[in-house]
All heavy atoms as atom14 arrays in JSON, in Angstrom:
{
  "sequence": "ISAEASGHLLALARAFDLVWCSGWEDKADEHLV",
  "atom14_mask": [
    [1, 1, 1, 1, 1, 1, 1, 1, 0, 0, 0, 0, 0, 0],
    [1, 1, 1, 1, 1, 1, 0, 0, 0, 0, 0, 0, 0, 0],
    [1, 1, 1, 1, 1, 0, 0, 0, 0, 0, 0, 0, 0, 0],
    [1, 1, 1, 1, 1, 1, 1, 1, 1, 0, 0, 0, 0, 0],
    [1, 1, 1, 1, 1, 0, 0, 0, 0, 0, 0, 0, 0, 0],
    [1, 1, 1, 1, 1, 1, 0, 0, 0, 0, 0, 0, 0, 0],
    [1, 1, 1, 1, 0, 0, 0, 0, 0, 0, 0, 0, 0, 0],
    [1, 1, 1, 1, 1, 1, 1, 1, 1, 1, 0, 0, 0, 0],
    [1, 1, 1, 1, 1, 1, 1, 1, 0, 0, 0, 0, 0, 0],
    [1, 1, 1, 1, 1, 1, 1, 1, 0, 0, 0, 0, 0, 0],
    [1, 1, 1, 1, 1, 0, 0, 0, 0, 0, 0, 0, 0, 0],
    [1, 1, 1, 1, 1, 1, 1, 1, 0, 0, 0, 0, 0, 0],
    [1, 1, 1, 1, 1, 0, 0, 0, 0, 0, 0, 0, 0, 0],
    [1, 1, 1, 1, 1, 1, 1, 1, 1, 1, 1, 0, 0, 0],
    [1, 1, 1, 1, 1, 0, 0, 0, 0, 0, 0, 0, 0, 0],
    [1, 1, 1, 1, 1, 1, 1, 1, 1, 1, 1, 0, 0, 0],
    [1, 1, 1, 1, 1, 1, 1, 1, 0, 0, 0, 0, 0, 0],
    [1, 1, 1, 1, 1, 1, 1, 1, 0, 0, 0, 0, 0, 0],
    [1, 1, 1, 1, 1, 1, 1, 0, 0, 0, 0, 0, 0, 0],
    [1, 1, 1, 1, 1, 1, 1, 1, 1, 1, 1, 1, 1, 1],
    [1, 1, 1, 1, 1, 1, 0, 0, 0, 0, 0, 0, 0, 0],
    [1, 1, 1, 1, 1, 1, 0, 0, 0, 0, 0, 0, 0, 0],
    [1, 1, 1, 1, 0, 0, 0, 0, 0, 0, 0, 0, 0, 0],
    [1, 1, 1, 1, 1, 1, 1, 1, 1, 1, 1, 1, 1, 1],
    [1, 1, 1, 1, 1, 1, 1, 1, 1, 0, 0, 0, 0, 0],
    [1, 1, 1, 1, 1, 1, 1, 1, 0, 0, 0, 0, 0, 0],
    [1, 1, 1, 1, 1, 1, 1, 1, 1, 0, 0, 0, 0, 0],
    [1, 1, 1, 1, 1, 0, 0, 0, 0, 0, 0, 0, 0, 0],
    [1, 1, 1, 1, 1, 1, 1, 1, 0, 0, 0, 0, 0, 0],
    [1, 1, 1, 1, 1, 1, 1, 1, 1, 0, 0, 0, 0, 0],
    [1, 1, 1, 1, 1, 1, 1, 1, 1, 1, 0, 0, 0, 0],
    [1, 1, 1, 1, 1, 1, 1, 1, 0, 0, 0, 0, 0, 0],
    [1, 1, 1, 1, 1, 1, 1, 0, 0, 0, 0, 0, 0, 0]
  ],
  "atom14_positions": [
    [[-12.4, -69.17, -96.58], [-13.32, -70.21, -96.31], [-14.75, -69.59, -96.39], [-15.15, -68.69, -95.67], [-13.13, -70.81, -94.87], [-11.7, -71.26, -94.75], [-14.11, -71.94, -94.57], [-11.22, -72.33, -95.72], [0.0, 0.0, 0.0], [0.0, 0.0, 0.0], [0.0, 0.0, 0.0], [0.0, 0.0, 0.0], [0.0, 0.0, 0.0], [0.0, 0.0, 0.0]],
    [[-15.48, -70.06, -97.46], [-16.8, -69.52, -97.72], [-17.78, -69.73, -96.61], [-18.0, -70.84, -96.09], [-17.34, -70.17, -99.0], [-18.72, -69.98, -99.16], [0.0, 0.0, 0.0], [0.0, 0.0, 0.0], [0.0, 0.0, 0.0], [0.0, 0.0, 0.0], [0.0, 0.0, 0.0], [0.0, 0.0, 0.0], [0.0, 0.0, 0.0], [0.0, 0.0, 0.0]],
    [[-18.43, -68.63, -96.2], [-19.43, -68.73, -95.18], [-20.63, -69.56, -95.67], [-21.17, -70.35, -94.89], [-19.89, -67.26, -94.79], [0.0, 0.0, 0.0], [0.0, 0.0, 0.0], [0.0, 0.0, 0.0], [0.0, 0.0, 0.0], [0.0, 0.0, 0.0], [0.0, 0.0, 0.0], [0.0, 0.0, 0.0], [0.0, 0.0, 0.0], [0.0, 0.0, 0.0]],
    [[-20.95, -69.36, -96.91], [-22.14, -70.14, -97.39], [-21.89, -71.61, -97.47], [-22.61, -72.43, -97.02], [-22.59, -69.69, -98.82], [-23.65, -70.47, -99.45], [-23.98, -70.05, -100.86], [-23.3, -69.26, -101.48], [-25.02, -70.57, -101.4], [0.0, 0.0, 0.0], [0.0, 0.0, 0.0], [0.0, 0.0, 0.0], [0.0, 0.0, 0.0], [0.0, 0.0, 0.0]],
    [[-20.73, -71.97, -97.99], [-20.31, -73.34, -98.12], [-20.16, -74.0, -96.71], [-20.61, -75.14, -96.52], [-19.04, -73.53, -98.89], [0.0, 0.0, 0.0], [0.0, 0.0, 0.0], [0.0, 0.0, 0.0], [0.0, 0.0, 0.0], [0.0, 0.0, 0.0], [0.0, 0.0, 0.0], [0.0, 0.0, 0.0], [0.0, 0.0, 0.0], [0.0, 0.0, 0.0]],
    [[-19.56, -73.21, -95.78], [-19.41, -73.76, -94.38], [-20.82, -74.0, -93.78], [-20.94, -75.04, -93.14], [-18.64, -72.76, -93.6], [-17.34, -72.58, -94.14], [0.0, 0.0, 0.0], [0.0, 0.0, 0.0], [0.0, 0.0, 0.0], [0.0, 0.0, 0.0], [0.0, 0.0, 0.0], [0.0, 0.0, 0.0], [0.0, 0.0, 0.0], [0.0, 0.0, 0.0]],
    [[-21.71, -73.13, -93.99], [-23.14, -73.31, -93.43], [-23.73, -74.5, -94.01], [-24.41, -75.25, -93.3], [0.0, 0.0, 0.0], [0.0, 0.0, 0.0], [0.0, 0.0, 0.0], [0.0, 0.0, 0.0], [0.0, 0.0, 0.0], [0.0, 0.0, 0.0], [0.0, 0.0, 0.0], [0.0, 0.0, 0.0], [0.0, 0.0, 0.0], [0.0, 0.0, 0.0]],
    [[-23.61, -74.7, -95.26], [-24.17, -75.97, -95.92], [-23.55, -77.18, -95.38], [-24.22, -78.17, -95.07], [-24.05, -75.86, -97.43], [-24.87, -74.81, -98.13], [-26.16, -74.68, -97.92], [-24.49, -73.9, -99.04], [-26.61, -73.64, -98.63], [-25.6, -73.19, -99.33], [0.0, 0.0, 0.0], [0.0, 0.0, 0.0], [0.0, 0.0, 0.0], [0.0, 0.0, 0.0]],
    [[-22.24, -77.23, -95.27], [-21.59, -78.4, -94.7], [-22.0, -78.69, -93.28], [-22.28, -79.78, -92.88], [-20.05, -78.26, -94.75], [-19.29, -79.52, -94.41], [-19.56, -80.64, -95.31], [-17.8, -79.2, -94.28], [0.0, 0.0, 0.0], [0.0, 0.0, 0.0], [0.0, 0.0, 0.0], [0.0, 0.0, 0.0], [0.0, 0.0, 0.0], [0.0, 0.0, 0.0]],
    [[-22.16, -77.64, -92.44], [-22.59, -77.81, -91.11], [-23.97, -78.43, -91.04], [-24.19, -79.35, -90.26], [-22.61, -76.46, -90.39], [-22.83, -76.45, -88.91], [-21.89, -77.29, -88.19], [-22.82, -74.99, -88.39], [0.0, 0.0, 0.0], [0.0, 0.0, 0.0], [0.0, 0.0, 0.0], [0.0, 0.0, 0.0], [0.0, 0.0, 0.0], [0.0, 0.0, 0.0]],
    [[-24.87, -78.03, -91.93], [-26.16, -78.61, -91.98], [-26.07, -80.08, -92.46], [-26.81, -80.98, -91.95], [-27.14, -77.8, -92.89], [0.0, 0.0, 0.0], [0.0, 0.0, 0.0], [0.0, 0.0, 0.0], [0.0, 0.0, 0.0], [0.0, 0.0, 0.0], [0.0, 0.0, 0.0], [0.0, 0.0, 0.0], [0.0, 0.0, 0.0], [0.0, 0.0, 0.0]],
    [[-25.28, -80.35, -93.44], [-25.11, -81.7, -93.92], [-24.56, -82.67, -92.93], [-24.78, -83.9, -93.1], [-24.34, -81.71, -95.28], [-24.95, -81.0, -96.39], [-23.95, -80.77, -97.56], [-26.18, -81.85, -96.95], [0.0, 0.0, 0.0], [0.0, 0.0, 0.0], [0.0, 0.0, 0.0], [0.0, 0.0, 0.0], [0.0, 0.0, 0.0], [0.0, 0.0, 0.0]],
    [[-23.8, -82.19, -92.02], [-23.19, -83.02, -90.98], [-24.19, -83.8, -90.16], [-23.81, -84.87, -89.6], [-22.35, -82.16, -90.07], [0.0, 0.0, 0.0], [0.0, 0.0, 0.0], [0.0, 0.0, 0.0], [0.0, 0.0, 0.0], [0.0, 0.0, 0.0], [0.0, 0.0, 0.0], [0.0, 0.0, 0.0], [0.0, 0.0, 0.0], [0.0, 0.0, 0.0]],
    [[-25.45, -83.42, -90.14], [-26.41, -84.14, -89.47], [-26.91, -85.38, -90.3], [-27.37, -86.39, -89.68], [-27.67, -83.25, -89.17], [-27.42, -82.22, -88.13], [-28.64, -81.45, -87.77], [-29.24, -80.68, -88.87], [-28.98, -79.39, -89.17], [-28.13, -78.76, -88.43], [-29.51, -78.83, -90.18], [0.0, 0.0, 0.0], [0.0, 0.0, 0.0], [0.0, 0.0, 0.0]],
    [[-26.79, -85.3, -91.63], [-27.31, -86.35, -92.42], [-26.24, -87.37, -93.0], [-26.59, -88.37, -93.54], [-28.07, -85.75, -93.62], [0.0, 0.0, 0.0], [0.0, 0.0, 0.0], [0.0, 0.0, 0.0], [0.0, 0.0, 0.0], [0.0, 0.0, 0.0], [0.0, 0.0, 0.0], [0.0, 0.0, 0.0], [0.0, 0.0, 0.0], [0.0, 0.0, 0.0]],
    [[-25.02, -86.93, -92.85], [-23.88, -87.74, -93.36], [-22.82, -87.95, -92.33], [-22.73, -87.19, -91.36], [-23.24, -86.92, -94.54], [-24.03, -86.85, -95.81], [-24.84, -85.84, -96.07], [-23.85, -87.82, -96.82], [-25.55, -85.71, -97.21], [-24.52, -87.79, -98.0], [-25.38, -86.68, -98.2], [0.0, 0.0, 0.0], [0.0, 0.0, 0.0], [0.0, 0.0, 0.0]],
    [[-22.0, -88.96, -92.58], [-20.74, -89.13, -91.84], [-19.74, -88.49, -92.73], [-19.4, -88.89, -93.85], [-20.4, -90.67, -91.71], [-21.33, -91.3, -90.62], [-21.73, -90.61, -89.77], [-21.43, -92.52, -90.72], [0.0, 0.0, 0.0], [0.0, 0.0, 0.0], [0.0, 0.0, 0.0], [0.0, 0.0, 0.0], [0.0, 0.0, 0.0], [0.0, 0.0, 0.0]],
    [[-19.17, -87.34, -92.28], [-18.21, -86.58, -93.02], [-16.83, -87.23, -93.06], [-16.38, -87.76, -92.02], [-18.12, -85.17, -92.49], [-19.35, -84.38, -92.32], [-19.07, -82.98, -91.79], [-20.05, -84.21, -93.74], [0.0, 0.0, 0.0], [0.0, 0.0, 0.0], [0.0, 0.0, 0.0], [0.0, 0.0, 0.0], [0.0, 0.0, 0.0], [0.0, 0.0, 0.0]],
    [[-16.1, -87.06, -94.1], [-14.69, -87.54, -94.33], [-14.0, -86.49, -95.12], [-14.45, -86.06, -96.22], [-14.63, -88.9, -95.04], [-13.18, -89.32, -95.15], [-15.45, -89.98, -94.34], [0.0, 0.0, 0.0], [0.0, 0.0, 0.0], [0.0, 0.0, 0.0], [0.0, 0.0, 0.0], [0.0, 0.0, 0.0], [0.0, 0.0, 0.0], [0.0, 0.0, 0.0]],
    [[-12.92, -85.87, -94.57], [-12.12, -84.97, -95.35], [-11.43, -85.77, -96.54], [-10.75, -86.71, -96.26], [-11.01, -84.3, -94.51], [-11.57, -83.42, -93.39], [-11.27, -83.51, -92.04], [-12.46, -82.25, -93.51], [-11.94, -82.49, -91.38], [-12.62, -81.74, -92.21], [-13.08, -81.65, -94.6], [-13.43, -80.63, -92.01], [-13.86, -80.56, -94.37], [-14.01, -80.03, -93.07]],
    [[-11.61, -85.19, -97.7], [-11.08, -85.89, -98.95], [-10.27, -84.84, -99.68], [-10.72, -84.35, -100.7], [-12.22, -86.44, -99.72], [-11.73, -87.33, -101.18], [0.0, 0.0, 0.0], [0.0, 0.0, 0.0], [0.0, 0.0, 0.0], [0.0, 0.0, 0.0], [0.0, 0.0, 0.0], [0.0, 0.0, 0.0], [0.0, 0.0, 0.0], [0.0, 0.0, 0.0]],
    [[-9.13, -84.46, -99.17], [-8.39, -83.3, -99.69], [-6.87, -83.53, -99.47], [-6.45, -84.24, -98.57], [-8.83, -82.11, -98.9], [-7.93, -81.0, -99.16], [0.0, 0.0, 0.0], [0.0, 0.0, 0.0], [0.0, 0.0, 0.0], [0.0, 0.0, 0.0], [0.0, 0.0, 0.0], [0.0, 0.0, 0.0], [0.0, 0.0, 0.0], [0.0, 0.0, 0.0]],
    [[-6.1, -82.88, -100.35], [-4.69, -82.84, -100.15], [-4.29, -82.15, -98.81], [-3.17, -82.27, -98.44], [0.0, 0.0, 0.0], [0.0, 0.0, 0.0], [0.0, 0.0, 0.0], [0.0, 0.0, 0.0], [0.0, 0.0, 0.0], [0.0, 0.0, 0.0], [0.0, 0.0, 0.0], [0.0, 0.0, 0.0], [0.0, 0.0, 0.0], [0.0, 0.0, 0.0]],
    [[-5.23, -81.54, -98.13], [-4.92, -80.87, -96.88], [-4.59, -81.96, -95.85], [-4.0, -81.77, -94.84], [-6.05, -80.13, -96.38], [-6.34, -78.79, -97.01], [-6.22, -78.43, -98.35], [-6.8, -77.59, -96.37], [-6.56, -77.11, -98.53], [-6.93, -76.57, -97.32], [-7.08, -77.31, -95.02], [-7.35, -75.28, -96.98], [-7.51, -75.99, -94.75], [-7.66, -74.99, -95.68]],
    [[-5.21, -83.16, -95.99], [-5.07, -84.32, -95.06], [-5.3, -83.85, -93.66], [-6.3, -83.3, -93.37], [-3.74, -85.06, -95.33], [-3.69, -85.68, -96.73], [-2.48, -86.47, -97.04], [-1.48, -86.5, -96.2], [-2.42, -87.11, -98.1], [0.0, 0.0, 0.0], [0.0, 0.0, 0.0], [0.0, 0.0, 0.0], [0.0, 0.0, 0.0], [0.0, 0.0, 0.0]],
    [[-4.29, -84.08, -92.74], [-4.53, -83.72, -91.3], [-4.67, -82.22, -91.08], [-5.18, -81.86, -90.03], [-3.37, -84.28, -90.45], [-2.06, -83.73, -90.8], [-1.83, -83.32, -91.98], [-1.15, -83.67, -89.93], [0.0, 0.0, 0.0], [0.0, 0.0, 0.0], [0.0, 0.0, 0.0], [0.0, 0.0, 0.0], [0.0, 0.0, 0.0], [0.0, 0.0, 0.0]],
    [[-4.27, -81.36, -91.99], [-4.46, -79.93, -91.81], [-5.97, -79.53, -91.83], [-6.34, -78.47, -91.22], [-3.77, -79.16, -92.96], [-2.27, -79.2, -92.73], [-1.53, -78.48, -93.87], [-0.05, -78.46, -93.77], [0.63, -79.61, -93.35], [0.0, 0.0, 0.0], [0.0, 0.0, 0.0], [0.0, 0.0, 0.0], [0.0, 0.0, 0.0], [0.0, 0.0, 0.0]],
    [[-6.81, -80.38, -92.44], [-8.26, -80.1, -92.47], [-8.73, -80.05, -91.04], [-9.5, -79.12, -90.63], [-9.0, -81.13, -93.29], [0.0, 0.0, 0.0], [0.0, 0.0, 0.0], [0.0, 0.0, 0.0], [0.0, 0.0, 0.0], [0.0, 0.0, 0.0], [0.0, 0.0, 0.0], [0.0, 0.0, 0.0], [0.0, 0.0, 0.0], [0.0, 0.0, 0.0]],
    [[-8.46, -81.09, -90.27], [-8.93, -81.15, -88.9], [-8.39, -80.0, -88.09], [-9.05, -79.3, -87.3], [-8.56, -82.43, -88.32], [-9.1, -82.73, -86.96], [-10.37, -82.55, -86.78], [-8.39, -83.03, -86.02], [0.0, 0.0, 0.0], [0.0, 0.0, 0.0], [0.0, 0.0, 0.0], [0.0, 0.0, 0.0], [0.0, 0.0, 0.0], [0.0, 0.0, 0.0]],
    [[-7.14, -79.77, -88.27], [-6.38, -78.75, -87.53], [-6.95, -77.33, -87.73], [-7.08, -76.52, -86.84], [-4.92, -78.8, -87.89], [-4.05, -77.73, -87.2], [-2.61, -77.88, -87.71], [-2.21, -78.84, -88.23], [-1.88, -76.83, -87.56], [0.0, 0.0, 0.0], [0.0, 0.0, 0.0], [0.0, 0.0, 0.0], [0.0, 0.0, 0.0], [0.0, 0.0, 0.0]],
    [[-7.35, -77.03, -88.96], [-7.7, -75.7, -89.39], [-9.25, -75.44, -89.57], [-9.69, -74.33, -89.38], [-7.05, -75.29, -90.62], [-5.52, -75.1, -90.46], [-4.93, -74.01, -89.87], [-4.51, -75.94, -90.73], [-3.61, -74.16, -89.87], [-3.36, -75.32, -90.3], [0.0, 0.0, 0.0], [0.0, 0.0, 0.0], [0.0, 0.0, 0.0], [0.0, 0.0, 0.0]],
    [[-10.03, -76.45, -89.9], [-11.37, -76.21, -90.33], [-12.43, -76.59, -89.34], [-13.5, -75.92, -89.32], [-11.71, -76.93, -91.58], [-10.91, -76.45, -92.84], [-11.27, -77.32, -94.06], [-11.27, -75.01, -93.09], [0.0, 0.0, 0.0], [0.0, 0.0, 0.0], [0.0, 0.0, 0.0], [0.0, 0.0, 0.0], [0.0, 0.0, 0.0], [0.0, 0.0, 0.0]],
    [[-12.22, -77.53, -88.42], [-13.26, -77.92, -87.53], [-13.73, -76.72, -86.67], [-14.96, -76.48, -86.52], [-12.84, -79.06, -86.64], [-13.78, -79.37, -85.49], [-12.58, -80.36, -87.45], [0.0, 0.0, 0.0], [0.0, 0.0, 0.0], [0.0, 0.0, 0.0], [0.0, 0.0, 0.0], [0.0, 0.0, 0.0], [0.0, 0.0, 0.0], [0.0, 0.0, 0.0]]
  ]
}
C-alpha cells in the first residue's frame, strides 16, 4: 500500500465522498480504512 497514494487519498477524502470501486469489495473496508 503506497504511502504517497494513501496520503493523497486521505487529503482527497475532505473534498469527495469516497466509494471503493474494486474487486476487493468488502475487503477494502476491512483492510484499508
